[in-house]
Amino acid sequence: SGLDAEITHKCVVNPDTSKCMNYWEMLICILMSYVALVVPVQVAMMPAPDIVDTKLIINCLVDLIFAYDVILQFVTMYQRKTEGGFRWESRLKKISCHYLKSWFLIDFVSIIPFDLISLVSESKSMQQAKAVKLIRLLRLLKLMRLCRSTRFFRLIELHMSVEYGKLALMKYFAMLMVIAHWLANLWALTLTLVDTGGIDRWVDGFTERELELNIMELTENTPWKLY
């Protein structure tokens, strides 16, 4: 057929027939879950790394995997609309142009290792700058790729025999919990954007009360209490 004639490159991946691609999508979804839950906490409540620790290694590993996924997208077929319906596009040039015009910019920004850049620079001014925390928020752009992970949820529905209505309800409550998690961390992030001693912060009242009660672990210095 005309479609078969277009498949001229062995490196082109068809996500509809590749088993490896299904496992890869599962891995990407797991990593995006990590990003959704852990990265907001790191951005809002933890200082930029000044040594190579486990947190930095994990973040760099996640960035490397997402970087490989960016490369993979240049050879992954996508569905294009034709007069006869939707067909898989297999021409590398068309695949590359389509990806560059759609998700490439967001994906590229999301894999920039801001923590590693801060560490390598060995600049205290850069590590402590408020702007860096805002820049690190760009890593959350990885979450926008969830819009392209519907195949993962279809696999769950197929293998776990989950009805569409129940699956939709599960996705709704999961998203609701994630948004609440993000808002909590965003509220904590506001503390780093206001200089101490300047504008009154919402946590100052807690700090004064804790000092009066001789509490050693102040809320503003304890991530789990701040959360």
C-alpha atoms as a PDB file:
ATOM      1  CA  SER A   1       0.000   0.000   0.000  1.00  0.00           C
ATOM      2  CA  GLY A   2       1.026   3.654  -0.133  1.00  0.00           C
ATOM      3  CA  LEU A   3       1.576   3.655   3.596  1.00  0.00           C
ATOM      4  CA  ASP A   4       3.940   0.684   3.442  1.00  0.00           C
ATOM      5  CA  ALA A   5       5.889   2.356   0.661  1.00  0.00           C
ATOM      6  CA  GLU A   6       6.572   5.308   2.918  1.00  0.00           C
ATOM      7  CA  ILE A   7       8.299   3.167   5.554  1.00  0.00           C
ATOM      8  CA  THR A   8      11.878   3.435   4.289  1.00  0.00           C
ATOM      9  CA  HIS A   9      13.826   3.871   7.526  1.00  0.00           C
ATOM     10  CA  LYS A  10      14.465   1.030   9.938  1.00  0.00           C
ATOM     11  CA  CYS A  11      14.998   3.463  12.810  1.00  0.00           C
ATOM     12  CA  VAL A  12      11.408   4.713  12.661  1.00  0.00           C
ATOM     13  CA  VAL A  13       9.366   3.483  15.631  1.00  0.00           C
ATOM     14  CA  ASN A  14       5.675   2.683  15.406  1.00  0.00           C
ATOM     15  CA  PRO A  15       4.223   3.196  18.921  1.00  0.00           C
ATOM     16  CA  ASP A  16       1.187   1.128  17.994  1.00  0.00           C
ATOM     17  CA  THR A  17       3.149  -2.069  17.365  1.00  0.00           C
ATOM     18  CA  SER A  18       6.324  -1.685  19.420  1.00  0.00           C
ATOM     19  CA  LYS A  19       6.230  -3.498  22.781  1.00  0.00           C
ATOM     20  CA  CYS A  20       9.370  -1.698  23.886  1.00  0.00           C
ATOM     21  CA  MET A  21       7.603   1.601  23.283  1.00  0.00           C
ATOM     22  CA  ASN A  22       4.811   0.570  25.641  1.00  0.00           C
ATOM     23  CA  TYR A  23       7.332  -0.163  28.414  1.00  0.00           C
ATOM     24  CA  TRP A  24       9.117   3.081  27.646  1.00  0.00           C
ATOM     25  CA  GLU A  25       5.885   5.038  28.005  1.00  0.00           C
ATOM     26  CA  MET A  26       5.297   3.364  31.385  1.00  0.00           C
ATOM     27  CA  LEU A  27       8.771   4.439  32.505  1.00  0.00           C
ATOM     28  CA  ILE A  28       8.153   8.002  31.339  1.00  0.00           C
ATOM     29  CA  CYS A  29       4.845   8.111  33.238  1.00  0.00           C
ATOM     30  CA  ILE A  30       6.548   6.847  36.409  1.00  0.00           C
ATOM     31  CA  LEU A  31       9.231   9.522  36.095  1.00  0.00           C
ATOM     32  CA  MET A  32       6.612  12.205  35.490  1.00  0.00           C
ATOM     33  CA  SER A  33       4.876  11.073  38.672  1.00  0.00           C
ATOM     34  CA  TYR A  34       8.192  11.574  40.465  1.00  0.00           C
ATOM     35  CA  VAL A  35       8.522  15.031  38.923  1.00  0.00           C
ATOM     36  CA  ALA A  36       4.935  15.931  39.829  1.00  0.00           C
ATOM     37  CA  LEU A  37       5.370  14.994  43.493  1.00  0.00           C
ATOM     38  CA  VAL A  38       9.032  15.595  44.332  1.00  0.00           C
ATOM     39  CA  VAL A  39      10.243  18.481  42.186  1.00  0.00           C
ATOM     40  CA  PRO A  40       7.748  21.029  43.623  1.00  0.00           C
ATOM     41  CA  VAL A  41       9.024  20.206  47.111  1.00  0.00           C
ATOM     42  CA  GLN A  42      12.633  20.618  46.004  1.00  0.00           C
ATOM     43  CA  VAL A  43      11.903  23.933  44.309  1.00  0.00           C
ATOM     44  CA  ALA A  44       9.839  25.399  47.147  1.00  0.00           C
ATOM     45  CA  MET A  45      11.518  24.125  50.307  1.00  0.00           C
ATOM     46  CA  MET A  46      15.042  22.906  49.564  1.00  0.00           C
ATOM     47  CA  PRO A  47      18.133  24.992  48.747  1.00  0.00           C
ATOM     48  CA  ALA A  48      20.043  24.597  45.509  1.00  0.00           C
ATOM     49  CA  PRO A  49      22.608  21.771  45.795  1.00  0.00           C
ATOM     50  CA  ASP A  50      26.172  22.674  46.756  1.00  0.00           C
ATOM     51  CA  ILE A  51      27.494  19.089  46.778  1.00  0.00           C
ATOM     52  CA  VAL A  52      26.898  15.964  44.723  1.00  0.00           C
ATOM     53  CA  ASP A  53      24.292  14.056  46.720  1.00  0.00           C
ATOM     54  CA  THR A  54      21.650  11.418  46.072  1.00  0.00           C
ATOM     55  CA  LYS A  55      19.004  14.024  45.218  1.00  0.00           C
ATOM     56  CA  LEU A  56      21.213  15.616  42.567  1.00  0.00           C
ATOM     57  CA  ILE A  57      22.161  12.251  41.056  1.00  0.00           C
ATOM     58  CA  ILE A  58      18.516  11.177  40.797  1.00  0.00           C
ATOM     59  CA  ASN A  59      17.501  14.481  39.208  1.00  0.00           C
ATOM     60  CA  CYS A  60      20.317  14.261  36.657  1.00  0.00           C
ATOM     61  CA  LEU A  61      19.362  10.666  35.850  1.00  0.00           C
ATOM     62  CA  VAL A  62      15.744  11.719  35.287  1.00  0.00           C
ATOM     63  CA  ASP A  63      16.928  14.542  33.028  1.00  0.00           C
ATOM     64  CA  LEU A  64      19.061  12.101  31.024  1.00  0.00           C
ATOM     65  CA  ILE A  65      16.119   9.766  30.496  1.00  0.00           C
ATOM     66  CA  PHE A  66      13.926  12.651  29.354  1.00  0.00           C
ATOM     67  CA  ALA A  67      16.744  13.797  27.057  1.00  0.00           C
ATOM     68  CA  TYR A  68      16.791  10.352  25.453  1.00  0.00           C
ATOM     69  CA  ASP A  69      13.021  10.584  25.088  1.00  0.00           C
ATOM     70  CA  VAL A  70      13.450  13.860  23.189  1.00  0.00           C
ATOM     71  CA  ILE A  71      15.766  12.089  20.739  1.00  0.00           C
ATOM     72  CA  LEU A  72      13.301   9.215  20.494  1.00  0.00           C
ATOM     73  CA  GLN A  73      10.497  11.570  19.497  1.00  0.00           C
ATOM     74  CA  PHE A  74      12.382  12.449  16.303  1.00  0.00           C
ATOM     75  CA  VAL A  75      11.967   8.865  15.078  1.00  0.00           C
ATOM     76  CA  THR A  76       8.555   8.061  16.566  1.00  0.00           C
ATOM     77  CA  MET A  77       5.669   7.935  14.115  1.00  0.00           C
ATOM     78  CA  TYR A  78       2.620  10.119  14.682  1.00  0.00           C
ATOM     79  CA  GLN A  79      -0.888   9.955  13.288  1.00  0.00           C
ATOM     80  CA  ARG A  80      -1.740  12.368  10.493  1.00  0.00           C
ATOM     81  CA  LYS A  81      -5.177  13.048   9.089  1.00  0.00           C
ATOM     82  CA  THR A  82      -5.776  12.019   5.480  1.00  0.00           C
ATOM     83  CA  GLU A  83      -8.810  11.758   3.227  1.00  0.00           C
ATOM     84  CA  GLY A  84      -9.076   8.077   4.136  1.00  0.00           C
ATOM     85  CA  GLY A  85      -8.777   8.676   7.877  1.00  0.00           C
ATOM     86  CA  PHE A  86      -5.800   8.745  10.240  1.00  0.00           C
ATOM     87  CA  ARG A  87      -2.532   7.118   9.201  1.00  0.00           C
ATOM     88  CA  TRP A  88       0.889   6.775  10.771  1.00  0.00           C
ATOM     89  CA  GLU A  89       3.459   9.189   9.357  1.00  0.00           C
ATOM     90  CA  SER A  90       6.719   7.287   8.746  1.00  0.00           C
ATOM     91  CA  ARG A  91       8.851   9.826   6.866  1.00  0.00           C
ATOM     92  CA  LEU A  92      11.678  11.050   9.091  1.00  0.00           C
ATOM     93  CA  LYS A  93      11.622  14.576   7.710  1.00  0.00           C
ATOM     94  CA  LYS A  94       7.895  14.930   8.344  1.00  0.00           C
ATOM     95  CA  ILE A  95       8.235  13.405  11.827  1.00  0.00           C
ATOM     96  CA  SER A  96      11.075  15.774  12.749  1.00  0.00           C
ATOM     97  CA  CYS A  97       9.284  18.866  11.421  1.00  0.00           C
ATOM     98  CA  HIS A  98       6.087  17.927  13.232  1.00  0.00           C
ATOM     99  CA  TYR A  99       7.919  17.451  16.537  1.00  0.00           C
ATOM    100  CA  LEU A 100       9.916  20.675  16.161  1.00  0.00           C
ATOM    101  CA  LYS A 101       6.701  22.611  15.577  1.00  0.00           C
ATOM    102  CA  SER A 102       4.799  21.027  18.466  1.00  0.00           C
ATOM    103  CA  TRP A 103       6.426  19.736  21.657  1.00  0.00           C
ATOM    104  CA  PHE A 104      10.167  20.154  21.092  1.00  0.00           C
ATOM    105  CA  LEU A 105      10.582  23.563  22.762  1.00  0.00           C
ATOM    106  CA  ILE A 106       8.749  22.501  25.923  1.00  0.00           C
ATOM    107  CA  ASP A 107      10.595  19.175  26.058  1.00  0.00           C
ATOM    108  CA  PHE A 108      13.969  20.862  25.515  1.00  0.00           C
ATOM    109  CA  VAL A 109      13.452  23.414  28.289  1.00  0.00           C
ATOM    110  CA  SER A 110      12.283  20.665  30.640  1.00  0.00           C
ATOM    111  CA  ILE A 111      15.541  18.693  30.367  1.00  0.00           C
ATOM    112  CA  ILE A 112      17.905  21.567  31.180  1.00  0.00           C
ATOM    113  CA  PRO A 113      19.664  20.470  34.424  1.00  0.00           C
ATOM    114  CA  PHE A 114      19.358  23.713  36.387  1.00  0.00           C
ATOM    115  CA  ASP A 115      20.575  22.109  39.630  1.00  0.00           C
ATOM    116  CA  LEU A 116      23.695  20.779  37.924  1.00  0.00           C
ATOM    117  CA  ILE A 117      24.370  24.136  36.303  1.00  0.00           C
ATOM    118  CA  SER A 118      24.114  25.779  39.719  1.00  0.00           C
ATOM    119  CA  LEU A 119      26.530  23.243  41.221  1.00  0.00           C
ATOM    120  CA  VAL A 120      29.098  23.471  38.425  1.00  0.00           C
ATOM    121  CA  SER A 121      29.098  27.249  38.490  1.00  0.00           C
ATOM    122  CA  GLU A 122      30.183  27.179  42.154  1.00  0.00           C
ATOM    123  CA  SER A 123      28.601  30.596  42.521  1.00  0.00           C
ATOM    124  CA  LYS A 124      26.899  31.346  45.815  1.00  0.00           C
ATOM    125  CA  SER A 125      25.088  34.265  44.239  1.00  0.00           C
ATOM    126  CA  MET A 126      23.632  31.934  41.608  1.00  0.00           C
ATOM    127  CA  GLN A 127      22.763  29.183  44.072  1.00  0.00           C
ATOM    128  CA  GLN A 128      20.954  31.590  46.363  1.00  0.00           C
ATOM    129  CA  ALA A 129      19.279  33.774  43.736  1.00  0.00           C
ATOM    130  CA  LYS A 130      15.495  33.852  43.885  1.00  0.00           C
ATOM    131  CA  ALA A 131      15.430  33.836  40.087  1.00  0.00           C
ATOM    132  CA  VAL A 132      16.986  30.371  40.058  1.00  0.00           C
ATOM    133  CA  LYS A 133      14.047  28.967  42.005  1.00  0.00           C
ATOM    134  CA  LEU A 134      11.675  30.408  39.437  1.00  0.00           C
ATOM    135  CA  ILE A 135      13.773  29.031  36.601  1.00  0.00           C
ATOM    136  CA  ARG A 136      13.747  25.611  38.243  1.00  0.00           C
ATOM    137  CA  LEU A 137       9.958  25.726  38.089  1.00  0.00           C
ATOM    138  CA  LEU A 138      10.315  25.323  34.341  1.00  0.00           C
ATOM    139  CA  ARG A 139      11.177  21.692  35.032  1.00  0.00           C
ATOM    140  CA  LEU A 140       7.496  21.228  35.757  1.00  0.00           C
ATOM    141  CA  LEU A 141       6.909  21.629  32.032  1.00  0.00           C
ATOM    142  CA  LYS A 142       7.619  17.894  31.875  1.00  0.00           C
ATOM    143  CA  LEU A 143       4.122  17.445  33.252  1.00  0.00           C
ATOM    144  CA  MET A 144       2.610  18.845  30.067  1.00  0.00           C
ATOM    145  CA  ARG A 145       3.781  15.685  28.365  1.00  0.00           C
ATOM    146  CA  LEU A 146       1.097  13.833  30.307  1.00  0.00           C
ATOM    147  CA  CYS A 147      -1.264  15.074  27.604  1.00  0.00           C
ATOM    148  CA  ARG A 148       0.463  12.605  25.266  1.00  0.00           C
ATOM    149  CA  SER A 149       0.402   9.674  27.672  1.00  0.00           C
ATOM    150  CA  THR A 150      -3.171   8.522  27.091  1.00  0.00           C
ATOM    151  CA  ARG A 151      -1.817   5.204  25.779  1.00  0.00           C
ATOM    152  CA  PHE A 152      -0.577   4.455  29.291  1.00  0.00           C
ATOM    153  CA  PHE A 153      -4.065   4.856  30.749  1.00  0.00           C
ATOM    154  CA  ARG A 154      -5.508   2.727  27.963  1.00  0.00           C
ATOM    155  CA  LEU A 155      -3.071  -0.021  28.948  1.00  0.00           C
ATOM    156  CA  ILE A 156      -4.264   0.216  32.556  1.00  0.00           C
ATOM    157  CA  GLU A 157      -7.876   0.010  31.424  1.00  0.00           C
ATOM    158  CA  LEU A 158      -7.096  -3.011  29.241  1.00  0.00           C
ATOM    159  CA  HIS A 159      -4.914  -5.063  31.586  1.00  0.00           C
ATOM    160  CA  MET A 160      -6.719  -4.207  34.826  1.00  0.00           C
ATOM    161  CA  SER A 161     -10.223  -4.408  33.348  1.00  0.00           C
ATOM    162  CA  VAL A 162     -11.041  -0.916  34.588  1.00  0.00           C
ATOM    163  CA  GLU A 163     -14.192   0.606  33.163  1.00  0.00           C
ATOM    164  CA  TYR A 164     -13.856   3.920  31.377  1.00  0.00           C
ATOM    165  CA  GLY A 165     -16.032   5.751  33.904  1.00  0.00           C
ATOM    166  CA  LYS A 166     -14.027   4.464  36.867  1.00  0.00           C
ATOM    167  CA  LEU A 167     -10.759   5.259  35.128  1.00  0.00           C
ATOM    168  CA  ALA A 168     -11.929   8.805  34.402  1.00  0.00           C
ATOM    169  CA  LEU A 169     -12.919   9.220  38.055  1.00  0.00           C
ATOM    170  CA  MET A 170      -9.522   7.928  39.218  1.00  0.00           C
ATOM    171  CA  LYS A 171      -7.756  10.374  36.881  1.00  0.00           C
ATOM    172  CA  TYR A 172      -9.910  13.235  38.172  1.00  0.00           C
ATOM    173  CA  PHE A 173      -9.155  12.572  41.852  1.00  0.00           C
ATOM    174  CA  ALA A 174      -5.450  12.002  41.101  1.00  0.00           C
ATOM    175  CA  MET A 175      -5.250  15.346  39.301  1.00  0.00           C
ATOM    176  CA  LEU A 176      -7.123  17.043  42.145  1.00  0.00           C
ATOM    177  CA  MET A 177      -4.611  15.729  44.691  1.00  0.00           C
ATOM    178  CA  VAL A 178      -1.658  16.749  42.518  1.00  0.00           C
ATOM    179  CA  ILE A 179      -3.015  20.289  42.102  1.00  0.00           C
ATOM    180  CA  ALA A 180      -3.517  20.570  45.873  1.00  0.00           C
ATOM    181  CA  HIS A 181       0.093  19.402  46.313  1.00  0.00           C
ATOM    182  CA  TRP A 182       1.336  22.033  43.862  1.00  0.00           C
ATOM    183  CA  LEU A 183      -0.646  24.818  45.562  1.00  0.00           C
ATOM    184  CA  ALA A 184       0.781  23.869  48.968  1.00  0.00           C
ATOM    185  CA  ASN A 185       4.316  24.078  47.600  1.00  0.00           C
ATOM    186  CA  LEU A 186       3.554  27.307  45.749  1.00  0.00           C
ATOM    187  CA  TRP A 187       2.385  28.810  49.032  1.00  0.00           C
ATOM    188  CA  ALA A 188       5.659  27.742  50.654  1.00  0.00           C
ATOM    189  CA  LEU A 189       7.635  29.120  47.714  1.00  0.00           C
ATOM    190  CA  THR A 190       6.320  32.612  48.439  1.00  0.00           C
ATOM    191  CA  LEU A 191       8.513  32.637  51.553  1.00  0.00           C
ATOM    192  CA  THR A 192      11.669  32.523  49.427  1.00  0.00           C
ATOM    193  CA  LEU A 193      10.482  35.436  47.297  1.00  0.00           C
ATOM    194  CA  VAL A 194      10.153  37.845  50.224  1.00  0.00           C
ATOM    195  CA  ASP A 195      13.183  39.144  52.116  1.00  0.00           C
ATOM    196  CA  THR A 196      13.204  38.459  55.842  1.00  0.00           C
ATOM    197  CA  GLY A 197      12.500  41.624  57.794  1.00  0.00           C
ATOM    198  CA  GLY A 198      10.788  43.338  54.897  1.00  0.00           C
ATOM    199  CA  ILE A 199       7.181  42.551  54.140  1.00  0.00           C
ATOM    200  CA  ASP A 200       5.327  40.519  56.756  1.00  0.00           C
ATOM    201  CA  ARG A 201       5.118  36.864  55.762  1.00  0.00           C
ATOM    202  CA  TRP A 202       2.320  34.463  56.615  1.00  0.00           C
ATOM    203  CA  VAL A 203       4.722  32.267  58.593  1.00  0.00           C
ATOM    204  CA  ASP A 204       5.986  35.061  60.848  1.00  0.00           C
ATOM    205  CA  GLY A 205       3.064  34.636  63.227  1.00  0.00           C
ATOM    206  CA  PHE A 206       3.890  30.950  63.653  1.00  0.00           C
ATOM    207  CA  THR A 207       7.564  31.792  64.232  1.00  0.00           C
ATOM    208  CA  GLU A 208       6.795  34.331  66.974  1.00  0.00           C
ATOM    209  CA  ARG A 209       4.502  31.884  68.749  1.00  0.00           C
ATOM    210  CA  GLU A 210       7.039  29.063  68.522  1.00  0.00           C
ATOM    211  CA  LEU A 211       9.808  31.282  69.920  1.00  0.00           C
ATOM    212  CA  GLU A 212       7.584  32.193  72.860  1.00  0.00           C
ATOM    213  CA  LEU A 213       7.031  28.471  73.528  1.00  0.00           C
ATOM    214  CA  ASN A 214      10.766  27.708  73.118  1.00  0.00           C
ATOM    215  CA  ILE A 215      10.079  25.314  70.235  1.00  0.00           C
ATOM    216  CA  MET A 216      13.381  24.374  68.625  1.00  0.00           C
ATOM    217  CA  GLU A 217      12.121  23.287  65.199  1.00  0.00           C
ATOM    218  CA  LEU A 218      10.582  26.397  63.696  1.00  0.00           C
ATOM    219  CA  THR A 219       7.956  25.958  61.010  1.00  0.00           C
ATOM    220  CA  GLU A 220       9.799  28.099  58.480  1.00  0.00           C
ATOM    221  CA  ASN A 221      12.920  25.912  58.825  1.00  0.00           C
ATOM    222  CA  THR A 222      11.178  22.533  58.846  1.00  0.00           C
ATOM    223  CA  PRO A 223       9.918  21.337  55.430  1.00  0.00           C
ATOM    224  CA  TRP A 224       7.349  18.837  56.730  1.00  0.00           C
ATOM    225  CA  LYS A 225       5.838  21.413  59.111  1.00  0.00           C
ATOM    226  CA  LEU A 226       5.895  24.064  56.408  1.00  0.00           C
ATOM    227  CA  TYR A 227       4.050  21.740  54.068  1.00  0.00           C
END
